[in-house]
Amino acid sequence: MRSEIIRRSAPDYKEIIRVFRDAFPRRERFPDWWIMFVSRREGNDFRAYYDEEMLVGISCTFSTDRTCFVLYLAVDKALRSRGYGRKILEDIRARNTGKCIVLCAEYENENATDYEDRVRRIEFYERNGIVPTGYYYEEINEKFEVLADTEGFDPADCQKAMHRICRIKPGPYIKEKPNANRTCSDVC
């Protein structure tokens, strides 16, 4: 598998954006033009992943010296459950050696219409060593579990990485769960 920085001039740019839009509801997506703009800054990365010439997925990351925050990771819905998500995570880790990989995933809220998808996402991340941290992020009336590979998770540095995304919005972005032993649904 190979990856390339995404440029508007890419011959498959429309297909890349389709994968991005199919994977995330509109309320959870920054506009395409904004992603392209901020991904040009140092430490930020918007990548397309290919199996030979076939587009399989995308990632968008924001990094500090110690944390790599994965804003988006998506596999084309027709190609899921073939190991591509794991390979994309491996690539992100390889590009960010020594950094804590952090991301947010929607809480496993049993009342959500996409509850099964949420459970599958969390299980995927846990199988790949990215686990709940005891923190959450809230935006647009939705709560997201903050997950990380446990090596070196630092809430303050996570805030710093998230600030690279939303420079106009002041932090704090993440909050500690009232009781880290509670389940996600207890906090929602």
N, C-alpha and C. Protein backbone atom coordinates (compact mmCIF):
# COMPACT_ATOMS: atom_id res chain seq x y z
N MET A 1 0.86 -1.18 0.00
CA MET A 1 0.00 0.00 0.00
C MET A 1 0.90 1.23 0.00
N ARG A 2 0.46 2.26 -0.69
CA ARG A 2 1.21 3.52 -0.73
C ARG A 2 0.27 4.66 -0.39
N SER A 3 0.87 5.79 -0.01
CA SER A 3 0.06 6.96 0.29
C SER A 3 0.63 8.18 -0.43
N GLU A 4 -0.23 9.14 -0.65
CA GLU A 4 0.17 10.39 -1.29
C GLU A 4 -0.53 11.55 -0.60
N ILE A 5 0.17 12.67 -0.52
CA ILE A 5 -0.44 13.90 -0.04
C ILE A 5 -1.56 14.26 -1.03
N ILE A 6 -2.69 14.65 -0.51
CA ILE A 6 -3.83 14.99 -1.37
C ILE A 6 -3.68 16.43 -1.86
N ARG A 7 -3.81 16.58 -3.16
CA ARG A 7 -3.79 17.89 -3.83
C ARG A 7 -5.06 18.00 -4.67
N ARG A 8 -5.55 19.21 -4.82
CA ARG A 8 -6.74 19.42 -5.66
C ARG A 8 -6.48 18.98 -7.10
N SER A 9 -5.24 19.03 -7.51
CA SER A 9 -4.89 18.66 -8.89
C SER A 9 -4.82 17.15 -9.11
N ALA A 10 -4.99 16.35 -8.06
CA ALA A 10 -4.93 14.89 -8.21
C ALA A 10 -6.02 14.44 -9.18
N PRO A 11 -5.69 13.52 -10.08
CA PRO A 11 -6.69 13.08 -11.05
C PRO A 11 -7.92 12.44 -10.40
N ASP A 12 -7.77 11.88 -9.21
CA ASP A 12 -8.89 11.23 -8.53
C ASP A 12 -9.39 12.06 -7.34
N TYR A 13 -9.18 13.37 -7.39
CA TYR A 13 -9.59 14.23 -6.27
C TYR A 13 -11.08 14.08 -5.94
N LYS A 14 -11.93 14.02 -6.94
CA LYS A 14 -13.37 13.88 -6.69
C LYS A 14 -13.67 12.56 -5.99
N GLU A 15 -12.97 11.51 -6.35
CA GLU A 15 -13.15 10.21 -5.71
C GLU A 15 -12.67 10.25 -4.26
N ILE A 16 -11.56 10.93 -4.00
CA ILE A 16 -11.03 11.10 -2.64
C ILE A 16 -12.07 11.81 -1.77
N ILE A 17 -12.64 12.87 -2.29
CA ILE A 17 -13.64 13.63 -1.53
C ILE A 17 -14.90 12.80 -1.33
N ARG A 18 -15.26 11.96 -2.30
CA ARG A 18 -16.41 11.07 -2.13
C ARG A 18 -16.19 10.11 -0.96
N VAL A 19 -15.00 9.52 -0.87
CA VAL A 19 -14.69 8.61 0.25
C VAL A 19 -14.80 9.37 1.57
N PHE A 20 -14.25 10.57 1.61
CA PHE A 20 -14.30 11.42 2.80
C PHE A 20 -15.75 11.71 3.19
N ARG A 21 -16.55 12.16 2.24
CA ARG A 21 -17.94 12.54 2.53
C ARG A 21 -18.81 11.34 2.89
N ASP A 22 -18.57 10.19 2.25
CA ASP A 22 -19.34 8.98 2.57
C ASP A 22 -19.07 8.50 3.99
N ALA A 23 -17.88 8.75 4.49
CA ALA A 23 -17.47 8.21 5.79
C ALA A 23 -17.95 9.04 6.98
N PHE A 24 -18.18 10.33 6.77
CA PHE A 24 -18.50 11.21 7.89
C PHE A 24 -19.76 12.00 7.60
N PRO A 25 -20.69 12.05 8.56
CA PRO A 25 -21.89 12.87 8.36
C PRO A 25 -21.49 14.34 8.22
N ARG A 26 -22.28 15.08 7.52
CA ARG A 26 -22.00 16.50 7.25
C ARG A 26 -21.67 17.26 8.53
N ARG A 27 -22.39 16.98 9.63
CA ARG A 27 -22.18 17.71 10.88
C ARG A 27 -20.80 17.45 11.49
N GLU A 28 -20.13 16.37 11.06
CA GLU A 28 -18.81 16.02 11.60
C GLU A 28 -17.68 16.34 10.63
N ARG A 29 -17.99 16.95 9.51
CA ARG A 29 -16.97 17.25 8.50
C ARG A 29 -16.67 18.73 8.44
N PHE A 30 -15.38 19.04 8.40
CA PHE A 30 -14.98 20.38 8.02
C PHE A 30 -15.13 20.46 6.49
N PRO A 31 -15.32 21.65 5.95
CA PRO A 31 -15.42 21.77 4.49
C PRO A 31 -14.13 21.30 3.80
N ASP A 32 -14.29 20.75 2.60
CA ASP A 32 -13.14 20.23 1.84
C ASP A 32 -12.06 21.30 1.67
N TRP A 33 -12.48 22.52 1.31
CA TRP A 33 -11.50 23.58 1.06
C TRP A 33 -10.70 23.88 2.33
N TRP A 34 -11.35 23.79 3.50
CA TRP A 34 -10.66 24.08 4.76
C TRP A 34 -9.62 23.00 5.05
N ILE A 35 -10.00 21.72 4.85
CA ILE A 35 -9.06 20.62 5.05
C ILE A 35 -7.84 20.81 4.15
N MET A 36 -8.08 21.15 2.89
CA MET A 36 -6.96 21.37 1.96
C MET A 36 -6.07 22.52 2.43
N PHE A 37 -6.68 23.58 2.94
CA PHE A 37 -5.93 24.75 3.39
C PHE A 37 -5.07 24.42 4.61
N VAL A 38 -5.67 23.86 5.67
CA VAL A 38 -4.90 23.63 6.90
C VAL A 38 -3.92 22.47 6.76
N SER A 39 -4.16 21.57 5.82
CA SER A 39 -3.23 20.45 5.67
C SER A 39 -1.88 20.89 5.10
N ARG A 40 -1.81 22.10 4.59
CA ARG A 40 -0.54 22.63 4.07
C ARG A 40 0.41 23.08 5.18
N ARG A 41 -0.13 23.33 6.37
CA ARG A 41 0.72 23.78 7.48
C ARG A 41 1.63 22.64 7.95
N GLU A 42 2.80 23.02 8.42
CA GLU A 42 3.75 22.04 8.92
C GLU A 42 3.12 21.24 10.06
N GLY A 43 3.31 19.93 10.01
CA GLY A 43 2.78 19.04 11.04
C GLY A 43 1.38 18.53 10.73
N ASN A 44 0.76 19.07 9.69
CA ASN A 44 -0.57 18.63 9.28
C ASN A 44 -0.45 17.81 8.01
N ASP A 45 -1.37 16.85 7.83
CA ASP A 45 -1.23 15.90 6.73
C ASP A 45 -2.60 15.43 6.28
N PHE A 46 -2.89 15.50 4.99
CA PHE A 46 -4.12 14.96 4.41
C PHE A 46 -3.66 14.00 3.32
N ARG A 47 -3.89 12.69 3.51
CA ARG A 47 -3.34 11.66 2.63
C ARG A 47 -4.41 10.77 2.04
N ALA A 48 -4.12 10.31 0.82
CA ALA A 48 -4.91 9.28 0.16
C ALA A 48 -4.08 8.00 0.17
N TYR A 49 -4.73 6.86 0.34
CA TYR A 49 -4.06 5.56 0.40
C TYR A 49 -4.53 4.70 -0.77
N TYR A 50 -3.56 4.01 -1.37
CA TYR A 50 -3.83 3.22 -2.56
C TYR A 50 -3.29 1.80 -2.40
N ASP A 51 -4.05 0.84 -2.92
CA ASP A 51 -3.59 -0.53 -3.09
C ASP A 51 -3.34 -0.64 -4.58
N GLU A 52 -2.07 -0.61 -4.95
CA GLU A 52 -1.65 -0.44 -6.34
C GLU A 52 -2.25 0.88 -6.83
N GLU A 53 -3.18 0.87 -7.78
CA GLU A 53 -3.75 2.13 -8.27
C GLU A 53 -5.14 2.41 -7.71
N MET A 54 -5.67 1.50 -6.91
CA MET A 54 -7.03 1.64 -6.39
C MET A 54 -7.03 2.44 -5.09
N LEU A 55 -7.81 3.54 -5.07
CA LEU A 55 -7.98 4.33 -3.87
C LEU A 55 -8.72 3.50 -2.83
N VAL A 56 -8.13 3.38 -1.62
CA VAL A 56 -8.79 2.58 -0.58
C VAL A 56 -9.22 3.41 0.62
N GLY A 57 -8.58 4.57 0.87
CA GLY A 57 -8.96 5.36 2.03
C GLY A 57 -8.21 6.66 2.13
N ILE A 58 -8.49 7.38 3.22
CA ILE A 58 -7.88 8.69 3.47
C ILE A 58 -7.57 8.84 4.95
N SER A 59 -6.67 9.76 5.25
CA SER A 59 -6.44 10.17 6.65
C SER A 59 -6.12 11.66 6.67
N CYS A 60 -6.43 12.27 7.80
CA CYS A 60 -6.11 13.68 8.02
C CYS A 60 -5.59 13.78 9.44
N THR A 61 -4.34 14.21 9.61
CA THR A 61 -3.71 14.25 10.93
C THR A 61 -3.11 15.62 11.21
N PHE A 62 -3.01 15.93 12.52
CA PHE A 62 -2.42 17.17 13.02
C PHE A 62 -1.46 16.79 14.14
N SER A 63 -0.22 17.23 14.03
CA SER A 63 0.80 16.76 14.98
C SER A 63 1.51 17.88 15.72
N THR A 64 1.91 17.53 16.94
CA THR A 64 2.82 18.33 17.73
C THR A 64 4.10 17.50 17.86
N ASP A 65 5.01 17.92 18.71
CA ASP A 65 6.23 17.14 18.92
C ASP A 65 5.95 15.78 19.54
N ARG A 66 4.84 15.67 20.32
CA ARG A 66 4.58 14.42 21.06
C ARG A 66 3.27 13.74 20.72
N THR A 67 2.38 14.41 20.02
CA THR A 67 1.05 13.86 19.76
C THR A 67 0.70 13.97 18.28
N CYS A 68 0.12 12.90 17.75
CA CYS A 68 -0.47 12.94 16.41
C CYS A 68 -1.97 12.74 16.59
N PHE A 69 -2.74 13.78 16.29
CA PHE A 69 -4.19 13.72 16.41
C PHE A 69 -4.77 13.35 15.05
N VAL A 70 -5.48 12.23 15.00
CA VAL A 70 -6.11 11.76 13.77
C VAL A 70 -7.52 12.35 13.71
N LEU A 71 -7.70 13.34 12.88
CA LEU A 71 -9.01 13.97 12.74
C LEU A 71 -9.94 13.09 11.92
N TYR A 72 -9.41 12.55 10.81
CA TYR A 72 -10.21 11.67 9.95
C TYR A 72 -9.38 10.46 9.54
N LEU A 73 -10.01 9.32 9.58
CA LEU A 73 -9.46 8.08 9.01
C LEU A 73 -10.66 7.38 8.40
N ALA A 74 -10.60 7.11 7.11
CA ALA A 74 -11.73 6.48 6.44
C ALA A 74 -11.25 5.51 5.38
N VAL A 75 -11.98 4.41 5.27
CA VAL A 75 -11.77 3.43 4.21
C VAL A 75 -13.02 3.46 3.34
N ASP A 76 -12.82 3.38 2.03
CA ASP A 76 -13.96 3.34 1.11
C ASP A 76 -14.93 2.27 1.61
N LYS A 77 -16.22 2.62 1.69
CA LYS A 77 -17.19 1.70 2.30
C LYS A 77 -17.29 0.38 1.55
N ALA A 78 -16.98 0.34 0.27
CA ALA A 78 -17.01 -0.91 -0.49
C ALA A 78 -15.80 -1.80 -0.19
N LEU A 79 -14.80 -1.25 0.51
CA LEU A 79 -13.55 -1.99 0.75
C LEU A 79 -13.27 -2.25 2.23
N ARG A 80 -14.24 -2.01 3.08
CA ARG A 80 -14.04 -2.20 4.52
C ARG A 80 -13.91 -3.67 4.87
N SER A 81 -13.29 -3.93 6.04
CA SER A 81 -13.07 -5.29 6.57
C SER A 81 -12.10 -6.10 5.70
N ARG A 82 -11.16 -5.41 5.08
CA ARG A 82 -10.12 -6.07 4.29
C ARG A 82 -8.73 -5.73 4.80
N GLY A 83 -8.65 -5.10 5.98
CA GLY A 83 -7.36 -4.78 6.57
C GLY A 83 -6.80 -3.43 6.20
N TYR A 84 -7.51 -2.65 5.40
CA TYR A 84 -7.00 -1.35 4.97
C TYR A 84 -6.94 -0.35 6.12
N GLY A 85 -7.92 -0.35 7.00
CA GLY A 85 -7.90 0.56 8.15
C GLY A 85 -6.68 0.33 9.02
N ARG A 86 -6.38 -0.94 9.27
CA ARG A 86 -5.19 -1.30 10.06
C ARG A 86 -3.92 -0.80 9.37
N LYS A 87 -3.86 -0.98 8.05
CA LYS A 87 -2.68 -0.54 7.30
C LYS A 87 -2.53 0.98 7.32
N ILE A 88 -3.65 1.69 7.25
CA ILE A 88 -3.59 3.15 7.32
C ILE A 88 -3.07 3.56 8.70
N LEU A 89 -3.58 2.93 9.76
CA LEU A 89 -3.07 3.23 11.11
C LEU A 89 -1.58 2.93 11.22
N GLU A 90 -1.15 1.83 10.63
CA GLU A 90 0.29 1.49 10.65
C GLU A 90 1.10 2.57 9.96
N ASP A 91 0.60 3.09 8.84
CA ASP A 91 1.30 4.16 8.13
C ASP A 91 1.35 5.43 8.98
N ILE A 92 0.24 5.77 9.63
CA ILE A 92 0.22 6.95 10.49
C ILE A 92 1.24 6.79 11.61
N ARG A 93 1.29 5.61 12.22
CA ARG A 93 2.28 5.36 13.29
C ARG A 93 3.70 5.48 12.76
N ALA A 94 3.95 4.92 11.59
CA ALA A 94 5.30 4.97 11.00
C ALA A 94 5.72 6.41 10.70
N ARG A 95 4.80 7.23 10.29
CA ARG A 95 5.10 8.64 10.00
C ARG A 95 5.22 9.48 11.26
N ASN A 96 4.80 8.93 12.37
CA ASN A 96 4.79 9.68 13.64
C ASN A 96 5.46 8.88 14.75
N THR A 97 6.59 8.30 14.44
CA THR A 97 7.32 7.47 15.39
C THR A 97 7.60 8.24 16.68
N GLY A 98 7.30 7.59 17.80
CA GLY A 98 7.55 8.19 19.10
C GLY A 98 6.44 9.11 19.59
N LYS A 99 5.43 9.32 18.76
CA LYS A 99 4.32 10.19 19.16
C LYS A 99 3.14 9.34 19.61
N CYS A 100 2.35 9.90 20.50
CA CYS A 100 1.12 9.27 20.93
C CYS A 100 0.06 9.52 19.85
N ILE A 101 -0.57 8.46 19.39
CA ILE A 101 -1.64 8.58 18.39
C ILE A 101 -2.96 8.75 19.13
N VAL A 102 -3.68 9.83 18.83
CA VAL A 102 -4.93 10.17 19.52
C VAL A 102 -6.02 10.41 18.47
N LEU A 103 -7.22 9.99 18.78
CA LEU A 103 -8.37 10.28 17.92
C LEU A 103 -9.63 10.30 18.76
N CYS A 104 -10.70 10.77 18.18
CA CYS A 104 -12.00 10.78 18.84
C CYS A 104 -12.97 9.92 18.05
N ALA A 105 -13.80 9.17 18.77
CA ALA A 105 -14.85 8.36 18.13
C ALA A 105 -16.15 8.59 18.88
N GLU A 106 -17.24 8.55 18.16
CA GLU A 106 -18.54 8.78 18.78
C GLU A 106 -18.78 7.76 19.90
N TYR A 107 -19.38 8.24 20.97
CA TYR A 107 -19.75 7.36 22.07
C TYR A 107 -20.66 6.24 21.59
N GLU A 108 -20.59 5.12 22.27
CA GLU A 108 -21.47 3.98 21.98
C GLU A 108 -22.83 4.22 22.62
N ASN A 109 -23.52 5.21 22.12
CA ASN A 109 -24.82 5.60 22.64
C ASN A 109 -25.89 4.67 22.06
N GLU A 110 -26.50 3.84 22.91
CA GLU A 110 -27.48 2.85 22.44
C GLU A 110 -28.69 3.48 21.75
N ASN A 111 -28.95 4.74 22.00
CA ASN A 111 -30.08 5.42 21.37
C ASN A 111 -29.74 5.99 19.99
N ALA A 112 -28.48 5.96 19.61
CA ALA A 112 -28.07 6.52 18.31
C ALA A 112 -28.53 5.60 17.18
N THR A 113 -28.93 6.19 16.07
CA THR A 113 -29.38 5.39 14.93
C THR A 113 -28.24 4.56 14.33
N ASP A 114 -27.00 4.99 14.53
CA ASP A 114 -25.85 4.26 14.01
C ASP A 114 -25.07 3.55 15.12
N TYR A 115 -25.79 3.10 16.13
CA TYR A 115 -25.16 2.47 17.30
C TYR A 115 -24.21 1.34 16.91
N GLU A 116 -24.64 0.44 16.03
CA GLU A 116 -23.80 -0.70 15.64
C GLU A 116 -22.51 -0.24 14.98
N ASP A 117 -22.59 0.80 14.15
CA ASP A 117 -21.38 1.34 13.51
C ASP A 117 -20.42 1.90 14.56
N ARG A 118 -20.97 2.59 15.56
CA ARG A 118 -20.15 3.17 16.63
C ARG A 118 -19.42 2.07 17.40
N VAL A 119 -20.12 1.01 17.73
CA VAL A 119 -19.52 -0.11 18.45
C VAL A 119 -18.40 -0.72 17.60
N ARG A 120 -18.68 -0.93 16.30
CA ARG A 120 -17.67 -1.51 15.41
C ARG A 120 -16.42 -0.63 15.34
N ARG A 121 -16.62 0.70 15.29
CA ARG A 121 -15.47 1.61 15.23
C ARG A 121 -14.60 1.49 16.47
N ILE A 122 -15.23 1.56 17.64
CA ILE A 122 -14.47 1.47 18.90
C ILE A 122 -13.75 0.13 18.96
N GLU A 123 -14.42 -0.96 18.60
CA GLU A 123 -13.79 -2.29 18.63
C GLU A 123 -12.60 -2.35 17.67
N PHE A 124 -12.73 -1.74 16.49
CA PHE A 124 -11.62 -1.69 15.54
C PHE A 124 -10.41 -0.99 16.16
N TYR A 125 -10.64 0.19 16.75
CA TYR A 125 -9.53 0.92 17.34
C TYR A 125 -8.91 0.15 18.49
N GLU A 126 -9.72 -0.46 19.34
CA GLU A 126 -9.18 -1.23 20.46
C GLU A 126 -8.35 -2.41 19.97
N ARG A 127 -8.81 -3.10 18.92
CA ARG A 127 -8.02 -4.21 18.34
C ARG A 127 -6.67 -3.72 17.84
N ASN A 128 -6.62 -2.46 17.47
CA ASN A 128 -5.38 -1.88 16.94
C ASN A 128 -4.62 -1.06 17.97
N GLY A 129 -4.91 -1.30 19.26
CA GLY A 129 -4.13 -0.69 20.34
C GLY A 129 -4.47 0.74 20.68
N ILE A 130 -5.61 1.23 20.21
CA ILE A 130 -6.03 2.60 20.52
C ILE A 130 -7.26 2.48 21.42
N VAL A 131 -7.10 2.91 22.66
CA VAL A 131 -8.09 2.62 23.71
C VAL A 131 -8.60 3.90 24.37
N PRO A 132 -9.76 3.82 25.06
CA PRO A 132 -10.28 4.99 25.76
C PRO A 132 -9.28 5.54 26.79
N THR A 133 -9.25 6.86 26.90
CA THR A 133 -8.29 7.54 27.78
C THR A 133 -8.91 8.03 29.08
N GLY A 134 -10.24 8.01 29.17
CA GLY A 134 -10.90 8.62 30.32
C GLY A 134 -11.27 10.08 30.06
N TYR A 135 -11.11 10.52 28.81
CA TYR A 135 -11.46 11.88 28.41
C TYR A 135 -12.50 11.82 27.30
N TYR A 136 -13.21 12.93 27.13
CA TYR A 136 -14.17 13.04 26.04
C TYR A 136 -14.10 14.43 25.44
N TYR A 137 -14.69 14.54 24.26
CA TYR A 137 -14.76 15.78 23.50
C TYR A 137 -16.22 15.96 23.13
N GLU A 138 -16.70 17.19 23.20
CA GLU A 138 -18.10 17.45 22.90
C GLU A 138 -18.21 18.57 21.89
N GLU A 139 -19.01 18.31 20.86
CA GLU A 139 -19.26 19.34 19.85
C GLU A 139 -20.56 19.01 19.13
N ILE A 140 -21.30 20.05 18.79
CA ILE A 140 -22.53 19.92 18.03
C ILE A 140 -23.47 18.89 18.67
N ASN A 141 -23.66 19.01 19.97
CA ASN A 141 -24.56 18.13 20.72
C ASN A 141 -24.21 16.65 20.60
N GLU A 142 -22.94 16.35 20.37
CA GLU A 142 -22.47 14.98 20.26
C GLU A 142 -21.23 14.83 21.13
N LYS A 143 -21.14 13.70 21.83
CA LYS A 143 -19.95 13.43 22.63
C LYS A 143 -19.10 12.38 21.93
N PHE A 144 -17.81 12.61 22.00
CA PHE A 144 -16.84 11.72 21.37
C PHE A 144 -15.87 11.21 22.43
N GLU A 145 -15.60 9.93 22.40
CA GLU A 145 -14.62 9.30 23.28
C GLU A 145 -13.23 9.65 22.76
N VAL A 146 -12.33 10.10 23.63
CA VAL A 146 -10.94 10.34 23.24
C VAL A 146 -10.19 9.04 23.46
N LEU A 147 -9.61 8.53 22.38
CA LEU A 147 -8.86 7.28 22.42
C LEU A 147 -7.40 7.55 22.08
N ALA A 148 -6.52 6.71 22.58
CA ALA A 148 -5.09 6.88 22.27
C ALA A 148 -4.38 5.56 22.44
N ASP A 149 -3.24 5.42 21.75
CA ASP A 149 -2.39 4.32 22.13
C ASP A 149 -1.76 4.82 23.42
N THR A 150 -1.84 4.07 24.44
CA THR A 150 -1.62 4.57 25.81
C THR A 150 -0.22 5.12 26.07
N GLU A 151 0.72 4.81 25.24
CA GLU A 151 2.06 5.34 25.44
C GLU A 151 2.08 6.86 25.37
N GLY A 152 2.32 7.50 26.47
CA GLY A 152 2.55 8.94 26.47
C GLY A 152 1.35 9.83 26.25
N PHE A 153 0.13 9.34 26.51
CA PHE A 153 -1.02 10.23 26.34
C PHE A 153 -0.91 11.38 27.33
N ASP A 154 -0.94 12.60 26.81
CA ASP A 154 -0.84 13.81 27.62
C ASP A 154 -2.00 14.72 27.23
N PRO A 155 -2.99 14.88 28.12
CA PRO A 155 -4.15 15.70 27.77
C PRO A 155 -3.78 17.11 27.31
N ALA A 156 -2.77 17.72 27.92
CA ALA A 156 -2.37 19.08 27.54
C ALA A 156 -1.81 19.10 26.11
N ASP A 157 -1.02 18.09 25.76
CA ASP A 157 -0.47 18.05 24.41
C ASP A 157 -1.56 17.70 23.39
N CYS A 158 -2.52 16.90 23.81
CA CYS A 158 -3.67 16.60 22.95
C CYS A 158 -4.42 17.90 22.66
N GLN A 159 -4.60 18.73 23.68
CA GLN A 159 -5.26 20.04 23.49
C GLN A 159 -4.48 20.86 22.45
N LYS A 160 -3.16 20.82 22.57
CA LYS A 160 -2.31 21.58 21.66
C LYS A 160 -2.47 21.09 20.22
N ALA A 161 -2.51 19.76 20.03
CA ALA A 161 -2.70 19.21 18.69
C ALA A 161 -4.08 19.60 18.15
N MET A 162 -5.10 19.54 19.00
CA MET A 162 -6.45 19.92 18.56
C MET A 162 -6.52 21.40 18.23
N HIS A 163 -5.75 22.22 18.91
CA HIS A 163 -5.73 23.65 18.62
C HIS A 163 -5.17 23.91 17.22
N ARG A 164 -4.31 23.02 16.73
CA ARG A 164 -3.80 23.15 15.37
C ARG A 164 -4.94 23.04 14.35
N ILE A 165 -6.02 22.37 14.74
CA ILE A 165 -7.17 22.20 13.87
C ILE A 165 -8.06 23.44 13.95
N CYS A 166 -8.41 23.83 15.15
CA CYS A 166 -9.41 24.89 15.37
C CYS A 166 -8.76 26.11 15.98
N ARG A 167 -7.86 26.73 15.32
CA ARG A 167 -7.14 27.88 15.88
C ARG A 167 -8.07 29.01 16.31
N ILE A 168 -9.22 29.10 15.70
CA ILE A 168 -10.13 30.19 16.05
C ILE A 168 -10.98 29.86 17.28
N LYS A 169 -11.08 28.58 17.63
CA LYS A 169 -11.89 28.17 18.77
C LYS A 169 -10.98 27.94 19.97
N PRO A 170 -11.17 28.66 21.07
CA PRO A 170 -10.30 28.45 22.23
C PRO A 170 -10.60 27.12 22.91
N GLY A 171 -9.57 26.52 23.52
CA GLY A 171 -9.75 25.27 24.28
C GLY A 171 -10.33 25.60 25.63
N PRO A 172 -10.51 24.69 26.56
CA PRO A 172 -10.08 23.31 26.38
C PRO A 172 -11.06 22.55 25.48
N TYR A 173 -10.49 21.64 24.69
CA TYR A 173 -11.28 20.85 23.78
C TYR A 173 -11.75 19.55 24.43
N ILE A 174 -10.90 18.95 25.22
CA ILE A 174 -11.27 17.68 25.85
C ILE A 174 -11.49 17.88 27.33
N LYS A 175 -12.30 17.01 27.90
CA LYS A 175 -12.60 17.07 29.32
C LYS A 175 -12.47 15.67 29.90
N GLU A 176 -12.08 15.63 31.17
CA GLU A 176 -11.99 14.34 31.84
C GLU A 176 -13.39 13.87 32.19
N LYS A 177 -13.63 12.58 32.00
CA LYS A 177 -14.94 12.03 32.38
C LYS A 177 -15.12 12.21 33.87
N PRO A 178 -16.34 12.50 34.31
CA PRO A 178 -16.58 12.69 35.75
C PRO A 178 -16.13 11.50 36.58
N ASN A 179 -16.26 10.29 36.05
CA ASN A 179 -15.81 9.09 36.73
C ASN A 179 -15.27 8.16 35.66
N ALA A 180 -13.95 8.03 35.59
CA ALA A 180 -13.32 7.27 34.51
C ALA A 180 -13.77 5.81 34.49
N ASN A 181 -14.34 5.30 35.57
CA ASN A 181 -14.80 3.92 35.59
C ASN A 181 -16.18 3.76 34.98
N ARG A 182 -16.84 4.86 34.68
CA ARG A 182 -18.17 4.79 34.10
C ARG A 182 -18.09 4.40 32.64
N THR A 183 -19.17 3.83 32.12
CA THR A 183 -19.21 3.51 30.70
C THR A 183 -19.54 4.75 29.92
N CYS A 184 -19.32 4.67 28.60
CA CYS A 184 -19.61 5.81 27.74
C CYS A 184 -21.06 6.26 27.88
N SER A 185 -21.99 5.31 27.95
CA SER A 185 -23.40 5.70 28.00
C SER A 185 -23.76 6.41 29.30
N ASP A 186 -22.98 6.20 30.37
CA ASP A 186 -23.23 6.91 31.63
C ASP A 186 -22.96 8.40 31.50
N VAL A 187 -22.05 8.77 30.61
CA VAL A 187 -21.65 10.16 30.47
C VAL A 187 -22.50 10.88 29.43
N CYS A 188 -23.03 10.15 28.48
CA CYS A 188 -23.76 10.75 27.34
C CYS A 188 -25.04 11.40 27.77
